[in-house]
Amino acid sequence: MRIIPSLAALIAATPALAEPKVITDLPPVHSLVAKVMEGVGTPTLLLDQGGSGHSLSLRPSQAGAAQDADLIFWIGPAMSPGLEKPFETLGENAHVIALMEQPGTLLIDTADAEPHMHDGEEGHEEHTEAGHDDHDHDHEEHAEAGHDDHDHDHEEHAEAGHDDHDHDHEEHAETGHDNHDHDHEEHAEGGHNHHDHGPEDPHVWLSPDNAKTWLALIAEELSEHDPDNAATYAANAEAARTELDTLIGEIEATLAPFEGRQYLATHRAFAYFEAHFHLAPAHALSGVDGNTPGPRAMEEVRHAAEEGVTCLITEPDTSEASIATLTEGTALKAHFLDPLGRDLTPGPDQYSELLQNIATVYADCLK
């Protein structure tokens, strides 16, 4: 006599669906993806704690993991050009999403520091009305009032490697975005590489509005690959967006007293955060690429310090010699910030902690 197994036995014998294999490039991206994946799985972080996002490349062991990945979320080649070619050669199972290139992403041009929407979607003015009206952020006015006086050597920036990335958006669409109704061929003709702006600042994660946009995108991509957990991804993304709205309000209250206060920077890495919260350095030693500053930039910052500016925003890997040259004989005091938050514990809370830390350092420096 044939024994028919019970339904419970069949269910127990059925292997559970494996969590998606997800890889991220930088700690803030890892944090946002981890937030959406809470309760389902954990993404893998490529960047070592002491590494640099600009020089990030795949080690042999990481290349194997990337080959087996279901999804890869990264900022894009403008931030980490060393990842572009390896990601292009991955197998068909690995769906690569460059967040900086996604429609709805707010970008800042290094040439004029004016925020604009990626792909020209409905213009920044409408974006401001739709997404910032509860915070009363006039980024266009801010750009005119606080960013156009920065004498950045953008020609040097372009030579350093941010405008030579040949993005094949048609191939990108074939690897997994055609089902999201993204017209990447049209985008390639009229968007990222061919609009009338300069090279774009790749530190895009420092805009909390970009983070909110990406949370929805991350949930969508994960749900497409793993529909059984789509409800969890959507709920996590929505909860994370609500938490970010609360955090944005708290940071606005913290930084509002310092709007218009002059300060200096060694590296123009925080333009997205500054634009959102109405801050702007009087001078910066180097632009978004972090190249070694020339004598003219050093002289401008030094002169501002001698004029009585006391706040210097710098990064932990800035040379002691440069800081000493700027601060010696002046009232200037260096306050250290890492735009990647590499000293923070990786995970779903890292991004919020990063924004909180940045706000705290700016407040301490400017008071």
Protein backbone atom coordinates (compact mmCIF):
# COMPACT_ATOMS: atom_id res chain seq x y z
CA MET A 1 0.00 0.00 0.00
CA ARG A 2 1.37 3.45 -1.01
CA ILE A 3 1.64 5.90 1.85
CA ILE A 4 0.69 9.49 0.97
CA PRO A 5 2.75 11.95 3.01
CA SER A 6 0.91 14.58 4.98
CA LEU A 7 0.85 18.21 3.86
CA ALA A 8 2.93 19.17 6.90
CA ALA A 9 5.56 16.61 5.97
CA LEU A 10 5.69 17.91 2.42
CA ILE A 11 6.13 21.48 3.63
CA ALA A 12 8.87 20.42 6.05
CA ALA A 13 10.66 18.61 3.26
CA THR A 14 10.49 21.57 0.90
CA PRO A 15 13.73 23.59 1.07
CA ALA A 16 13.27 27.16 2.25
CA LEU A 17 13.86 29.88 -0.29
CA ALA A 18 17.37 31.23 0.07
CA GLU A 19 17.71 34.88 0.93
CA PRO A 20 18.87 37.06 -1.96
CA LYS A 21 22.62 37.37 -2.37
CA VAL A 22 23.12 41.12 -2.25
CA ILE A 23 26.38 43.09 -2.48
CA THR A 24 26.89 46.79 -1.74
CA ASP A 25 29.87 49.06 -2.28
CA LEU A 26 30.01 51.66 0.51
CA PRO A 27 28.86 51.64 4.16
CA PRO A 28 25.98 54.14 3.67
CA VAL A 29 24.61 52.10 0.76
CA HIS A 30 25.06 48.92 2.76
CA SER A 31 23.11 50.50 5.61
CA LEU A 32 20.14 51.49 3.44
CA VAL A 33 19.98 48.03 1.85
CA ALA A 34 20.35 46.34 5.24
CA LYS A 35 17.46 48.48 6.53
CA VAL A 36 15.19 47.25 3.75
CA MET A 37 16.35 43.64 4.15
CA GLU A 38 15.82 43.47 7.94
CA GLY A 39 14.13 40.22 8.87
CA VAL A 40 15.05 38.58 5.56
CA GLY A 41 18.80 38.70 5.08
CA THR A 42 21.99 40.74 5.26
CA PRO A 43 23.87 42.35 2.36
CA THR A 44 27.63 42.05 1.90
CA LEU A 45 29.81 45.17 2.13
CA LEU A 46 32.75 45.49 -0.28
CA LEU A 47 34.63 48.43 1.25
CA ASP A 48 37.07 47.62 4.02
CA GLN A 49 36.87 49.84 7.08
CA GLY A 50 40.07 51.70 6.20
CA GLY A 51 39.50 51.79 2.44
CA SER A 52 38.56 54.64 0.13
CA GLY A 53 35.44 54.73 -2.00
CA HIS A 54 37.25 56.51 -4.85
CA SER A 55 39.87 53.74 -5.14
CA LEU A 56 37.58 50.79 -4.42
CA SER A 57 38.24 47.72 -6.57
CA LEU A 58 37.37 44.03 -6.36
CA ARG A 59 39.78 41.58 -4.75
CA PRO A 60 39.77 38.07 -6.28
CA SER A 61 37.65 36.72 -3.41
CA GLN A 62 35.16 39.55 -3.82
CA ALA A 63 35.00 39.03 -7.58
CA GLY A 64 33.78 35.48 -7.01
CA ALA A 65 31.09 36.68 -4.61
CA ALA A 66 30.02 39.39 -7.06
CA GLN A 67 29.75 36.79 -9.81
CA ASP A 68 27.32 34.79 -7.67
CA ALA A 69 25.31 37.81 -6.48
CA ASP A 70 21.67 38.29 -7.33
CA LEU A 71 21.75 42.08 -6.83
CA ILE A 72 24.54 44.63 -6.55
CA PHE A 73 23.81 48.14 -5.30
CA TRP A 74 26.55 50.74 -5.75
CA ILE A 75 26.87 54.50 -6.18
CA GLY A 76 28.30 54.24 -9.68
CA PRO A 77 31.49 54.76 -11.67
CA ALA A 78 31.72 58.47 -10.82
CA MET A 79 32.48 57.43 -7.24
CA SER A 80 34.33 54.14 -7.76
CA PRO A 81 35.61 53.90 -11.36
CA GLY A 82 37.58 50.76 -10.47
CA LEU A 83 34.36 48.79 -10.15
CA GLU A 84 32.88 49.72 -13.54
CA LYS A 85 34.67 47.16 -15.74
CA PRO A 86 34.40 44.24 -13.27
CA PHE A 87 30.68 44.84 -12.87
CA GLU A 88 30.22 44.98 -16.65
CA THR A 89 31.73 41.50 -17.00
CA LEU A 90 29.57 39.78 -14.38
CA GLY A 91 27.31 36.91 -15.34
CA GLU A 92 23.69 37.36 -16.31
CA ASN A 93 22.47 36.45 -12.82
CA ALA A 94 24.02 39.54 -11.23
CA HIS A 95 21.76 42.57 -11.60
CA VAL A 96 23.80 45.75 -11.04
CA ILE A 97 22.08 48.96 -9.91
CA ALA A 98 24.10 52.21 -9.99
CA LEU A 99 22.14 54.41 -7.59
CA MET A 100 23.61 57.66 -8.85
CA GLU A 101 22.15 56.94 -12.29
CA GLN A 102 18.59 56.23 -11.16
CA PRO A 103 15.76 58.61 -12.10
CA GLY A 104 14.73 60.79 -9.18
CA THR A 105 18.27 61.07 -7.80
CA LEU A 106 19.27 64.62 -6.90
CA LEU A 107 22.67 65.54 -8.35
CA ILE A 108 24.96 68.52 -7.76
CA ASP A 109 27.21 69.74 -10.55
CA THR A 110 30.74 70.49 -9.51
CA ALA A 111 30.83 73.32 -12.04
CA ASP A 112 28.04 75.40 -10.52
CA ALA A 113 26.99 73.53 -7.35
CA GLU A 114 23.36 73.74 -8.47
CA PRO A 115 21.26 70.71 -7.49
CA HIS A 116 19.24 69.15 -10.29
CA MET A 117 17.26 65.99 -10.82
CA HIS A 118 18.89 63.08 -12.59
CA ASP A 119 17.59 62.54 -16.13
CA GLY A 120 15.93 65.96 -16.07
CA GLU A 121 12.81 64.48 -14.54
CA GLU A 122 10.28 67.32 -14.12
CA GLY A 123 13.00 69.71 -13.02
CA HIS A 124 14.46 70.47 -9.63
CA GLU A 125 11.83 73.13 -8.92
CA GLU A 126 9.02 70.57 -9.01
CA HIS A 127 11.15 68.17 -6.98
CA THR A 128 11.61 70.85 -4.38
CA GLU A 129 7.88 71.45 -4.18
CA ALA A 130 7.11 67.73 -4.02
CA GLY A 131 9.77 66.59 -1.60
CA HIS A 132 11.06 69.55 0.38
CA ASP A 133 8.05 71.72 1.01
CA ASP A 134 7.76 70.48 4.56
CA HIS A 135 11.33 71.58 5.21
CA ASP A 136 11.15 74.87 3.23
CA HIS A 137 14.40 74.21 1.37
CA ASP A 138 15.07 76.57 -1.50
CA HIS A 139 18.10 74.86 -2.97
CA GLU A 140 18.22 77.14 -5.96
CA GLU A 141 18.46 80.19 -3.73
CA HIS A 142 20.98 78.38 -1.58
CA ALA A 143 23.15 77.56 -4.58
CA GLU A 144 23.11 81.23 -5.66
CA ALA A 145 23.82 82.52 -2.18
CA GLY A 146 26.41 80.09 -0.91
CA HIS A 147 28.06 77.95 -3.54
CA ASP A 148 28.95 80.15 -6.48
CA ASP A 149 31.88 81.78 -4.70
CA HIS A 150 33.93 78.61 -4.44
CA ASP A 151 36.92 78.83 -6.76
CA HIS A 152 37.22 75.14 -7.54
CA ASP A 153 39.57 73.93 -10.22
CA HIS A 154 37.04 71.88 -12.14
CA GLU A 155 39.27 71.42 -15.13
CA GLU A 156 41.67 69.53 -12.87
CA HIS A 157 38.70 67.59 -11.51
CA ALA A 158 37.64 66.57 -14.99
CA GLU A 159 41.19 65.42 -15.78
CA ALA A 160 41.21 63.42 -12.58
CA GLY A 161 38.63 61.01 -13.86
CA HIS A 162 35.00 61.99 -13.34
CA ASP A 163 34.01 62.87 -16.88
CA ASP A 164 35.65 60.01 -18.76
CA HIS A 165 33.29 57.24 -17.74
CA ASP A 166 31.68 55.73 -20.82
CA HIS A 167 28.39 54.50 -19.40
CA ASP A 168 26.64 52.00 -21.62
CA HIS A 169 23.08 52.62 -20.48
CA GLU A 170 21.63 50.43 -23.17
CA GLU A 171 23.56 47.47 -21.78
CA HIS A 172 22.52 48.57 -18.28
CA ALA A 173 18.89 48.43 -19.31
CA GLU A 174 19.37 44.90 -20.66
CA THR A 175 20.72 43.75 -17.29
CA GLY A 176 17.49 44.38 -15.47
CA HIS A 177 15.89 47.82 -15.59
CA ASP A 178 13.72 47.44 -18.67
CA ASN A 179 10.93 46.06 -16.52
CA HIS A 180 10.85 49.31 -14.51
CA ASP A 181 9.96 51.34 -17.58
CA HIS A 182 13.27 53.22 -17.53
CA ASP A 183 14.16 54.47 -21.00
CA HIS A 184 17.92 54.30 -20.67
CA GLU A 185 18.54 54.82 -24.37
CA GLU A 186 16.71 58.16 -24.16
CA HIS A 187 18.54 58.81 -20.91
CA ALA A 188 21.92 58.26 -22.55
CA GLU A 189 21.02 60.79 -25.24
CA GLY A 190 19.62 63.48 -22.95
CA GLY A 191 20.65 62.75 -19.40
CA HIS A 192 23.70 61.84 -17.38
CA ASN A 193 26.49 62.24 -19.94
CA HIS A 194 25.05 64.89 -22.22
CA HIS A 195 23.21 67.50 -20.18
CA ASP A 196 24.52 71.05 -20.02
CA HIS A 197 26.17 70.72 -16.64
CA GLY A 198 29.63 69.92 -15.37
CA PRO A 199 30.82 66.69 -13.78
CA GLU A 200 28.56 65.59 -10.95
CA ASP A 201 29.51 65.28 -7.31
CA PRO A 202 29.48 61.53 -6.50
CA HIS A 203 28.88 61.93 -2.75
CA VAL A 204 25.16 61.55 -3.45
CA TRP A 205 24.35 59.49 -0.33
CA LEU A 206 24.81 62.60 1.82
CA SER A 207 21.47 63.91 0.54
CA PRO A 208 18.79 62.42 2.79
CA ASP A 209 16.30 62.93 -0.04
CA ASN A 210 18.38 60.63 -2.24
CA ALA A 211 18.36 58.06 0.54
CA LYS A 212 14.56 58.24 0.70
CA THR A 213 14.32 57.81 -3.08
CA TRP A 214 16.68 54.84 -3.03
CA LEU A 215 14.86 53.06 -0.19
CA ALA A 216 11.82 52.67 -2.45
CA LEU A 217 14.01 51.56 -5.36
CA ILE A 218 15.87 49.02 -3.21
CA ALA A 219 12.58 47.56 -1.99
CA GLU A 220 11.33 47.34 -5.57
CA GLU A 221 14.46 45.58 -6.82
CA LEU A 222 14.49 43.13 -3.91
CA SER A 223 10.79 42.39 -4.31
CA GLU A 224 11.23 41.62 -7.99
CA HIS A 225 13.88 39.06 -7.18
CA ASP A 226 12.21 37.77 -4.01
CA PRO A 227 8.43 38.33 -4.32
CA ASP A 228 7.67 36.16 -1.29
CA ASN A 229 9.18 38.87 0.93
CA ALA A 230 7.89 41.86 -1.02
CA ALA A 231 5.60 42.97 1.80
CA THR A 232 8.50 42.97 4.27
CA TYR A 233 10.71 44.97 1.94
CA ALA A 234 7.99 47.55 1.28
CA ALA A 235 7.15 47.93 4.97
CA ASN A 236 10.82 48.26 5.94
CA ALA A 237 11.41 50.91 3.27
CA GLU A 238 8.38 52.93 4.34
CA ALA A 239 9.37 52.75 8.01
CA ALA A 240 12.91 53.84 7.12
CA ARG A 241 11.59 56.82 5.14
CA THR A 242 9.46 57.88 8.11
CA GLU A 243 12.47 57.61 10.43
CA LEU A 244 14.52 59.71 8.02
CA ASP A 245 11.85 62.42 7.95
CA THR A 246 12.00 62.62 11.73
CA LEU A 247 15.80 62.74 11.69
CA ILE A 248 15.81 65.46 9.03
CA GLY A 249 13.59 67.62 11.21
CA GLU A 250 15.89 67.13 14.20
CA ILE A 251 18.99 68.02 12.18
CA GLU A 252 17.30 71.13 10.75
CA ALA A 253 16.57 72.31 14.27
CA THR A 254 20.19 71.66 15.28
CA LEU A 255 21.75 73.50 12.34
CA ALA A 256 19.27 76.34 11.78
CA PRO A 257 21.16 78.76 14.09
CA PHE A 258 24.32 78.38 11.95
CA GLU A 259 22.90 79.16 8.51
CA GLY A 260 25.19 81.67 6.81
CA ARG A 261 28.04 81.13 9.30
CA GLN A 262 31.41 81.00 7.54
CA TYR A 263 33.67 77.96 7.73
CA LEU A 264 36.41 76.28 5.71
CA ALA A 265 36.88 72.75 4.36
CA THR A 266 39.81 70.68 3.20
CA HIS A 267 37.70 68.56 0.81
CA ARG A 268 34.35 69.46 -0.77
CA ALA A 269 32.81 66.12 0.17
CA PHE A 270 29.68 67.31 1.99
CA ALA A 271 27.95 69.48 -0.65
CA TYR A 272 24.75 67.40 -0.63
CA PHE A 273 24.42 67.61 3.15
CA GLU A 274 25.29 71.32 3.04
CA ALA A 275 22.77 72.07 0.29
CA HIS A 276 19.97 70.32 2.14
CA PHE A 277 20.65 72.05 5.46
CA HIS A 278 21.62 75.51 4.12
CA LEU A 279 25.36 75.39 4.80
CA ALA A 280 28.26 76.33 2.51
CA PRO A 281 32.02 76.66 3.12
CA ALA A 282 33.65 79.97 2.30
CA HIS A 283 36.55 78.07 0.70
CA ALA A 284 37.61 74.46 0.21
CA LEU A 285 41.13 73.20 -0.42
CA SER A 286 40.05 70.58 -2.95
CA GLY A 287 36.91 69.77 -4.86
CA VAL A 288 34.84 66.62 -4.73
CA ASP A 289 37.67 64.48 -6.13
CA GLY A 290 39.88 65.21 -3.13
CA ASN A 291 42.96 65.94 -5.26
CA THR A 292 45.98 67.53 -3.61
CA PRO A 293 45.27 71.28 -3.44
CA GLY A 294 47.39 73.75 -5.33
CA PRO A 295 49.13 76.81 -3.86
CA ARG A 296 46.25 79.13 -4.79
CA ALA A 297 43.66 77.05 -2.91
CA MET A 298 45.92 76.80 0.12
CA GLU A 299 46.48 80.58 0.07
CA GLU A 300 42.72 81.32 -0.10
CA VAL A 301 41.91 79.07 2.84
CA ARG A 302 44.85 80.37 4.83
CA HIS A 303 43.78 83.96 4.17
CA ALA A 304 40.23 83.24 5.34
CA ALA A 305 41.63 81.68 8.52
CA GLU A 306 43.72 84.77 9.16
CA GLU A 307 40.57 86.89 8.71
CA GLY A 308 39.03 85.21 11.73
CA VAL A 309 37.17 82.11 10.46
CA THR A 310 37.50 79.51 13.22
CA CYS A 311 35.79 76.38 11.83
CA LEU A 312 37.62 73.89 9.59
CA ILE A 313 35.78 70.77 8.41
CA THR A 314 38.28 68.11 7.44
CA GLU A 315 38.58 64.34 7.08
CA PRO A 316 40.56 61.82 9.12
CA ASP A 317 42.92 61.03 6.23
CA THR A 318 43.89 64.68 5.64
CA SER A 319 47.61 65.07 6.17
CA GLU A 320 48.76 66.56 9.47
CA ALA A 321 51.08 68.85 7.52
CA SER A 322 48.16 70.40 5.59
CA ILE A 323 46.15 70.96 8.76
CA ALA A 324 49.17 72.49 10.52
CA THR A 325 49.79 74.83 7.58
CA LEU A 326 46.19 76.08 7.77
CA THR A 327 45.79 76.38 11.53
CA GLU A 328 49.22 77.55 12.71
CA GLY A 329 49.02 81.10 14.00
CA THR A 330 45.24 81.34 13.54
CA ALA A 331 42.13 80.63 15.59
CA LEU A 332 41.14 77.91 13.12
CA LYS A 333 40.30 74.55 14.71
CA ALA A 334 39.98 71.32 12.75
CA HIS A 335 36.88 69.17 13.18
CA PHE A 336 37.07 65.74 11.59
CA LEU A 337 34.33 64.09 9.55
CA ASP A 338 34.27 60.95 7.42
CA PRO A 339 31.61 61.14 4.67
CA LEU A 340 31.49 57.34 4.59
CA GLY A 341 31.17 56.82 8.34
CA ARG A 342 33.83 54.11 8.30
CA ASP A 343 34.28 54.35 12.06
CA LEU A 344 30.63 53.41 12.60
CA THR A 345 29.37 49.84 12.92
CA PRO A 346 28.05 48.64 9.56
CA GLY A 347 24.38 47.79 9.54
CA PRO A 348 20.85 49.19 9.23
CA ASP A 349 21.46 52.07 11.67
CA GLN A 350 24.76 53.26 10.20
CA TYR A 351 23.22 55.75 7.75
CA SER A 352 21.17 57.57 10.39
CA GLU A 353 24.14 57.62 12.74
CA LEU A 354 26.28 59.09 9.95
CA LEU A 355 23.87 61.98 9.36
CA GLN A 356 23.57 62.60 13.11
CA ASN A 357 27.37 62.63 13.51
CA ILE A 358 27.80 65.07 10.62
CA ALA A 359 25.22 67.44 12.10
CA THR A 360 26.85 67.26 15.53
CA VAL A 361 30.30 68.03 14.16
CA TYR A 362 29.06 70.98 12.10
CA ALA A 363 27.23 72.39 15.14
CA ASP A 364 30.30 72.00 17.38
CA CYS A 365 32.55 73.56 14.75
CA LEU A 366 30.30 76.55 14.00
CA LYS A 367 29.20 77.55 17.49
